[in-house]
Amino acid sequence: MINVVIASVFGEENKKRIMAAGEGKCSFFEVGADTPAAEAEKIVSEAEVLIGFVKPALLKDAKNLKLLQATWAGVDAINGAVPAEVAMTNASGAFGPVIAEHMVACAMALARLIPAYSRSRRWVDLGCELTFEGKRALILGAGDIGVCTARRLKPFGMTIAGVRRVPRSIPEGFDEMYTLEELDEQLALADYVFCVLPGTAETAGLLDERRLRLMKKTAVLVNAGRGSLIDTAALEKVMAEGHLFGAALDVTSPEPLPESSPLWDMDNVIITPHVAGIGFGHLPETENKIADICCENLGRYVRGESLINVVNRATGYRETMMES
């Protein structure tokens, strides 16, 4: 029997679905926040398949582990702790719509000065707003989330440019595509910048003070990828100087954002606590999509078939997608 450990808080129906995907060839165990440390260590050490997230320290003794199915898109928190011979897959494809809608909502709220009006408590005109129509959006990251964002922005009459790590064909929803080597030029042209890049050595600190100052003073910055992408101290500085029209952060570095950060008190900043794409305890549709991917990969593993959503350990990016 294949020992499968479920370490995410799936609802009962989705747990049943995952167990059924084992085709009667798996024994299932659960590890949660309330599991005693010694018990959790023993369960994980005997796992052949792990679905979800455990503290990286628990993985050091997981000698039987063959597959780690993450229940989120980014794997930077555990990548270094998972042995190279272990297949690692993610849940990319489950979060595109919900994160895209969050980012578009934040950008539109900032463009129309809604946070400032809601905080003012005064009946006063706060001046000129921004529009989406006729503007240029730059999306850093052209995977599932980036594509979903582009598709939602396009009907507003925007020009959609993207930046990705390597040159490929232009995905649906985008008008133009560039590489990281062309980032500086594209930042200077953009009216809205949406960030959904994963956390890697290549993306850490990518938006430093120099690059933030390349952006238009009237630009809006939205980050729902990884907080490590943006130099927080630099963002605090340029925002205090009024360089950007607004910023929305669902992720920060450090995280949580310290209460002492001046960003909390700025009327043109929206901060949410890394909730744009939460699938557990939030939207059931997102949890169901995560479970779909877990079921698909567990079934494939049991049958000895090739896996989907395989993560390249060097880049942190998904290599293979769900087949249509």
Protein backbone atom coordinates (compact mmCIF):
# COMPACT_ATOMS: atom_id res chain seq x y z
CA MET A 1 0.00 0.00 0.00
CA ILE A 2 1.10 3.56 -0.74
CA ASN A 3 1.23 5.76 2.36
CA VAL A 4 -0.42 9.09 1.53
CA VAL A 5 -0.36 11.98 4.00
CA ILE A 6 -2.89 14.80 3.63
CA ALA A 7 -1.51 17.92 5.28
CA SER A 8 -4.04 20.51 4.11
CA VAL A 9 -7.45 21.29 5.60
CA PHE A 10 -9.66 19.93 2.82
CA GLY A 11 -13.37 19.67 3.48
CA GLU A 12 -14.80 16.21 3.96
CA GLU A 13 -16.11 15.86 0.40
CA ASN A 14 -12.75 16.76 -1.11
CA LYS A 15 -10.93 14.39 1.25
CA LYS A 16 -13.25 11.62 0.05
CA ARG A 17 -12.47 12.53 -3.55
CA ILE A 18 -8.72 12.39 -2.93
CA MET A 19 -9.03 9.04 -1.16
CA ALA A 20 -11.08 7.67 -4.05
CA ALA A 21 -8.34 8.81 -6.44
CA GLY A 22 -6.03 6.34 -4.68
CA GLU A 23 -7.96 3.53 -6.41
CA GLY A 24 -7.83 1.32 -3.30
CA LYS A 25 -4.04 1.18 -3.39
CA CYS A 26 -3.35 3.80 -0.74
CA SER A 27 -3.43 4.15 3.04
CA PHE A 28 -4.31 7.69 4.11
CA PHE A 29 -3.11 9.66 7.11
CA GLU A 30 -3.68 13.28 8.13
CA VAL A 31 -1.36 15.85 9.69
CA GLY A 32 -2.70 19.18 10.89
CA ALA A 33 -1.87 22.09 13.14
CA ASP A 34 -3.16 20.15 16.16
CA THR A 35 -1.14 17.00 15.48
CA PRO A 36 1.48 16.49 18.23
CA ALA A 37 5.00 17.11 16.92
CA ALA A 38 6.28 13.59 17.54
CA GLU A 39 3.24 12.05 15.86
CA ALA A 40 3.49 14.39 12.86
CA GLU A 41 7.18 13.57 12.47
CA LYS A 42 6.46 9.82 12.47
CA ILE A 43 3.59 10.10 9.98
CA VAL A 44 5.56 12.27 7.56
CA SER A 45 8.65 10.06 7.84
CA GLU A 46 6.62 7.12 6.52
CA ALA A 47 4.91 9.00 3.71
CA GLU A 48 5.41 8.06 0.07
CA VAL A 49 3.07 10.82 -1.10
CA LEU A 50 2.53 14.09 0.75
CA ILE A 51 -0.35 16.36 -0.22
CA GLY A 52 -0.18 19.86 1.27
CA PHE A 53 2.32 21.69 3.43
CA VAL A 54 4.37 20.69 6.46
CA LYS A 55 7.20 22.54 8.14
CA PRO A 56 10.40 22.03 6.14
CA ALA A 57 12.11 20.51 9.20
CA LEU A 58 9.73 17.54 9.02
CA LEU A 59 10.90 16.67 5.53
CA LYS A 60 14.49 15.88 6.51
CA ASP A 61 13.52 12.40 7.75
CA ALA A 62 10.95 11.68 5.02
CA LYS A 63 13.13 8.96 3.49
CA ASN A 64 10.23 7.23 1.72
CA LEU A 65 8.88 10.34 0.04
CA LYS A 66 8.46 10.05 -3.72
CA LEU A 67 5.89 12.78 -4.48
CA LEU A 68 5.12 16.09 -2.80
CA GLN A 69 1.91 17.60 -4.15
CA ALA A 70 1.78 21.21 -3.00
CA THR A 71 -1.65 22.77 -2.53
CA TRP A 72 -0.50 26.22 -3.58
CA ALA A 73 1.27 27.62 -6.66
CA GLY A 74 4.59 28.83 -5.19
CA VAL A 75 6.97 26.27 -3.69
CA ASP A 76 9.75 28.60 -2.52
CA ALA A 77 8.98 27.94 1.16
CA ILE A 78 9.92 24.25 0.88
CA ASN A 79 11.93 23.90 -2.33
CA GLY A 80 15.28 23.70 -0.57
CA ALA A 81 14.04 21.16 1.99
CA VAL A 82 12.71 18.61 -0.50
CA PRO A 83 15.33 16.11 -1.78
CA ALA A 84 16.10 16.42 -5.48
CA GLU A 85 14.90 12.90 -6.23
CA VAL A 86 11.38 13.67 -4.94
CA ALA A 87 8.89 14.73 -7.60
CA MET A 88 7.32 18.06 -6.66
CA THR A 89 4.08 19.29 -8.18
CA ASN A 90 2.02 22.37 -7.43
CA ALA A 91 -1.58 23.56 -7.66
CA SER A 92 -1.01 26.15 -10.34
CA GLY A 93 -4.20 26.54 -12.33
CA ALA A 94 -6.45 26.66 -9.28
CA PHE A 95 -5.84 30.28 -8.36
CA GLY A 96 -5.90 32.25 -11.59
CA PRO A 97 -9.49 33.58 -11.55
CA VAL A 98 -9.69 34.48 -7.87
CA ILE A 99 -6.30 36.23 -7.68
CA ALA A 100 -6.92 38.04 -10.96
CA GLU A 101 -10.26 39.37 -9.69
CA HIS A 102 -8.60 40.52 -6.46
CA MET A 103 -5.92 42.43 -8.33
CA VAL A 104 -8.32 44.05 -10.77
CA ALA A 105 -10.60 45.09 -7.89
CA CYS A 106 -7.69 46.68 -6.03
CA ALA A 107 -6.41 48.49 -9.11
CA MET A 108 -9.82 49.88 -9.94
CA ALA A 109 -10.43 50.98 -6.35
CA LEU A 110 -7.13 52.86 -6.32
CA ALA A 111 -7.78 54.37 -9.75
CA ARG A 112 -11.10 55.77 -8.57
CA LEU A 113 -9.67 56.98 -5.21
CA ILE A 114 -12.11 54.78 -3.30
CA PRO A 115 -9.76 54.03 -0.35
CA ALA A 116 -9.04 57.72 0.10
CA TYR A 117 -12.72 58.65 -0.04
CA SER A 118 -13.72 55.91 2.39
CA ARG A 119 -11.10 57.05 4.92
CA SER A 120 -11.70 60.80 4.59
CA ARG A 121 -15.03 60.88 6.49
CA ARG A 122 -15.62 64.20 4.75
CA TRP A 123 -17.80 65.23 1.79
CA VAL A 124 -14.91 66.57 -0.26
CA ASP A 125 -13.66 66.26 -3.83
CA LEU A 126 -10.21 64.59 -3.77
CA GLY A 127 -9.30 65.45 -7.35
CA CYS A 128 -8.65 63.62 -10.59
CA GLU A 129 -8.99 59.86 -10.82
CA LEU A 130 -7.58 57.37 -13.32
CA THR A 131 -9.34 55.15 -15.84
CA PHE A 132 -8.60 51.74 -17.33
CA GLU A 133 -9.74 52.64 -20.86
CA GLY A 134 -6.88 53.40 -23.21
CA LYS A 135 -4.22 52.62 -20.61
CA ARG A 136 -1.30 50.19 -20.73
CA ALA A 137 -1.11 47.33 -18.24
CA LEU A 138 2.12 45.43 -17.62
CA ILE A 139 1.76 41.96 -16.08
CA LEU A 140 4.90 40.47 -14.57
CA GLY A 141 4.32 36.75 -14.97
CA ALA A 142 2.50 35.10 -17.85
CA GLY A 143 1.41 31.85 -16.24
CA ASP A 144 -2.13 30.93 -15.21
CA ILE A 145 -2.64 33.96 -12.94
CA GLY A 146 -1.12 36.36 -15.44
CA VAL A 147 -3.28 35.04 -18.27
CA CYS A 148 -6.44 35.24 -16.13
CA THR A 149 -5.55 38.84 -15.24
CA ALA A 150 -4.98 39.78 -18.88
CA ARG A 151 -8.33 38.30 -19.91
CA ARG A 152 -10.14 40.36 -17.29
CA LEU A 153 -8.39 43.61 -18.16
CA LYS A 154 -8.78 43.35 -21.92
CA PRO A 155 -12.52 44.24 -22.08
CA PHE A 156 -11.74 47.60 -20.44
CA GLY A 157 -9.93 48.68 -23.60
CA MET A 158 -6.42 48.35 -22.22
CA THR A 159 -3.22 47.37 -24.03
CA ILE A 160 -1.84 44.34 -22.20
CA ALA A 161 1.90 43.69 -22.13
CA GLY A 162 3.54 40.84 -20.28
CA VAL A 163 6.98 39.98 -18.96
CA ARG A 164 8.10 36.38 -18.61
CA ARG A 165 11.38 34.64 -17.86
CA VAL A 166 11.93 33.13 -21.30
CA PRO A 167 10.54 34.16 -24.71
CA ARG A 168 7.53 32.13 -25.80
CA SER A 169 4.38 32.62 -27.84
CA ILE A 170 2.00 35.34 -26.70
CA PRO A 171 -0.78 33.85 -24.51
CA GLU A 172 -4.44 34.71 -24.96
CA GLY A 173 -5.34 38.15 -23.58
CA PHE A 174 -1.90 39.68 -24.11
CA ASP A 175 -1.01 42.09 -26.90
CA GLU A 176 2.75 42.03 -26.36
CA MET A 177 5.29 39.87 -24.52
CA TYR A 178 8.78 40.70 -23.25
CA THR A 179 11.53 39.12 -21.17
CA LEU A 180 13.08 40.28 -17.90
CA GLU A 181 15.92 41.85 -19.88
CA GLU A 182 13.37 44.34 -21.25
CA LEU A 183 11.73 45.07 -17.89
CA ASP A 184 13.16 48.57 -17.39
CA GLU A 185 11.77 49.86 -20.67
CA GLN A 186 8.36 48.30 -20.06
CA LEU A 187 8.05 49.64 -16.51
CA ALA A 188 8.53 53.16 -17.84
CA LEU A 189 5.67 52.71 -20.32
CA ALA A 190 3.09 51.11 -18.02
CA ASP A 191 0.11 52.79 -16.38
CA TYR A 192 -0.66 49.73 -14.26
CA VAL A 193 1.81 47.06 -13.14
CA PHE A 194 0.44 43.72 -11.90
CA CYS A 195 2.95 41.37 -10.25
CA VAL A 196 2.37 37.61 -10.08
CA LEU A 197 5.91 36.26 -10.34
CA PRO A 198 6.95 33.35 -8.11
CA GLY A 199 9.55 33.75 -5.38
CA THR A 200 12.95 32.77 -6.79
CA ALA A 201 16.53 34.01 -6.56
CA GLU A 202 15.97 35.69 -9.92
CA THR A 203 12.89 37.65 -8.82
CA ALA A 204 13.98 38.62 -5.28
CA GLY A 205 14.34 42.41 -5.06
CA LEU A 206 13.50 42.79 -8.76
CA LEU A 207 11.52 45.97 -8.09
CA ASP A 208 14.15 47.97 -6.23
CA GLU A 209 14.18 51.74 -5.79
CA ARG A 210 15.73 52.34 -9.20
CA ARG A 211 13.04 50.36 -10.98
CA LEU A 212 10.22 51.83 -8.90
CA ARG A 213 11.40 55.27 -9.99
CA LEU A 214 11.33 54.17 -13.62
CA MET A 215 7.57 53.85 -13.30
CA LYS A 216 5.29 56.78 -14.08
CA LYS A 217 4.30 58.99 -11.16
CA THR A 218 0.72 58.27 -12.21
CA ALA A 219 1.20 54.49 -12.24
CA VAL A 220 -0.56 51.94 -10.02
CA LEU A 221 1.38 48.96 -8.66
CA VAL A 222 -0.34 45.72 -7.58
CA ASN A 223 1.52 42.74 -6.11
CA ALA A 224 -0.13 39.38 -5.43
CA GLY A 225 2.83 37.15 -6.25
CA ARG A 226 5.59 37.19 -3.66
CA GLY A 227 6.52 40.00 -1.28
CA SER A 228 10.21 39.42 -1.95
CA LEU A 229 9.75 40.93 -5.43
CA ILE A 230 9.53 44.49 -4.07
CA ASP A 231 12.03 46.29 -1.85
CA THR A 232 9.61 47.40 0.87
CA ALA A 233 11.80 50.21 2.23
CA ALA A 234 12.19 51.57 -1.29
CA LEU A 235 8.43 51.40 -1.87
CA GLU A 236 7.79 53.24 1.39
CA LYS A 237 10.18 55.95 0.26
CA VAL A 238 8.81 56.48 -3.24
CA MET A 239 5.21 56.35 -2.03
CA ALA A 240 5.94 58.96 0.66
CA GLU A 241 7.36 61.19 -2.06
CA GLY A 242 4.17 60.78 -4.11
CA HIS A 243 5.96 59.05 -6.96
CA LEU A 244 3.22 56.47 -7.61
CA PHE A 245 -0.52 57.05 -7.85
CA GLY A 246 -1.22 54.00 -5.70
CA ALA A 247 -0.15 50.55 -4.61
CA ALA A 248 -1.98 47.38 -3.56
CA LEU A 249 -0.08 44.68 -1.68
CA ASP A 250 -1.43 41.25 -0.86
CA VAL A 251 2.12 40.06 -0.15
CA THR A 252 4.97 41.92 1.55
CA SER A 253 8.53 41.48 2.73
CA PRO A 254 8.66 40.92 5.61
CA GLU A 255 5.31 39.24 6.03
CA PRO A 256 3.24 40.24 7.96
CA LEU A 257 4.03 43.85 7.18
CA PRO A 258 5.21 45.50 10.45
CA GLU A 259 2.70 47.82 12.10
CA SER A 260 5.39 50.52 12.00
CA SER A 261 5.38 50.62 8.20
CA PRO A 262 4.10 54.00 6.92
CA LEU A 263 2.31 52.16 4.11
CA TRP A 264 -0.52 51.30 6.53
CA ASP A 265 -1.45 54.98 6.90
CA MET A 266 -1.35 55.98 3.24
CA ASP A 267 -4.71 56.69 1.62
CA ASN A 268 -3.46 55.45 -1.75
CA VAL A 269 -2.30 52.04 -0.48
CA ILE A 270 -4.40 48.87 -0.07
CA ILE A 271 -2.94 46.11 2.09
CA THR A 272 -4.50 42.67 2.43
CA PRO A 273 -2.97 39.79 4.47
CA HIS A 274 -2.01 37.34 1.70
CA VAL A 275 -5.62 36.32 1.11
CA ALA A 276 -6.03 36.92 -2.63
CA GLY A 277 -5.83 33.24 -3.47
CA ILE A 278 -6.59 31.35 -0.27
CA GLY A 279 -8.41 28.15 -1.11
CA PHE A 280 -9.04 26.71 2.35
CA GLY A 281 -11.69 28.39 4.47
CA HIS A 282 -12.46 30.91 1.72
CA LEU A 283 -13.98 30.21 -1.69
CA PRO A 284 -15.05 26.56 -1.99
CA GLU A 285 -14.60 26.80 -5.77
CA THR A 286 -10.87 27.36 -5.29
CA GLU A 287 -10.55 24.45 -2.86
CA ASN A 288 -12.38 22.24 -5.35
CA LYS A 289 -9.90 23.18 -8.09
CA ILE A 290 -6.97 22.39 -5.78
CA ALA A 291 -8.56 19.02 -5.02
CA ASP A 292 -9.03 18.37 -8.75
CA ILE A 293 -5.28 18.71 -9.30
CA CYS A 294 -4.45 16.56 -6.25
CA CYS A 295 -6.83 13.83 -7.42
CA GLU A 296 -5.43 13.93 -10.93
CA ASN A 297 -1.83 13.58 -9.79
CA LEU A 298 -2.51 10.95 -7.14
CA GLY A 299 -4.32 8.84 -9.71
CA ARG A 300 -1.47 9.26 -12.18
CA TYR A 301 1.08 8.33 -9.52
CA VAL A 302 -0.80 5.20 -8.56
CA ARG A 303 -1.03 4.15 -12.21
CA GLY A 304 2.60 4.99 -12.92
CA GLU A 305 1.72 7.74 -15.41
CA SER A 306 3.45 11.06 -15.99
CA LEU A 307 2.45 13.82 -13.58
CA ILE A 308 0.98 17.25 -14.28
CA ASN A 309 2.09 20.56 -12.71
CA VAL A 310 5.64 19.31 -12.27
CA VAL A 311 7.82 22.08 -10.81
CA ASN A 312 11.29 22.77 -12.16
CA ARG A 313 13.36 22.73 -8.97
CA ALA A 314 15.91 25.20 -10.35
CA THR A 315 13.45 27.86 -11.53
CA GLY A 316 10.44 27.32 -9.25
CA TYR A 317 8.13 27.36 -12.28
CA ARG A 318 5.58 24.77 -13.36
CA GLU A 319 6.70 22.79 -16.39
CA THR A 320 3.72 20.60 -17.24
CA MET A 321 0.06 21.60 -17.14
CA MET A 322 -3.31 19.92 -16.85
CA GLU A 323 -4.23 18.41 -20.18
CA SER A 324 -7.49 19.62 -21.74
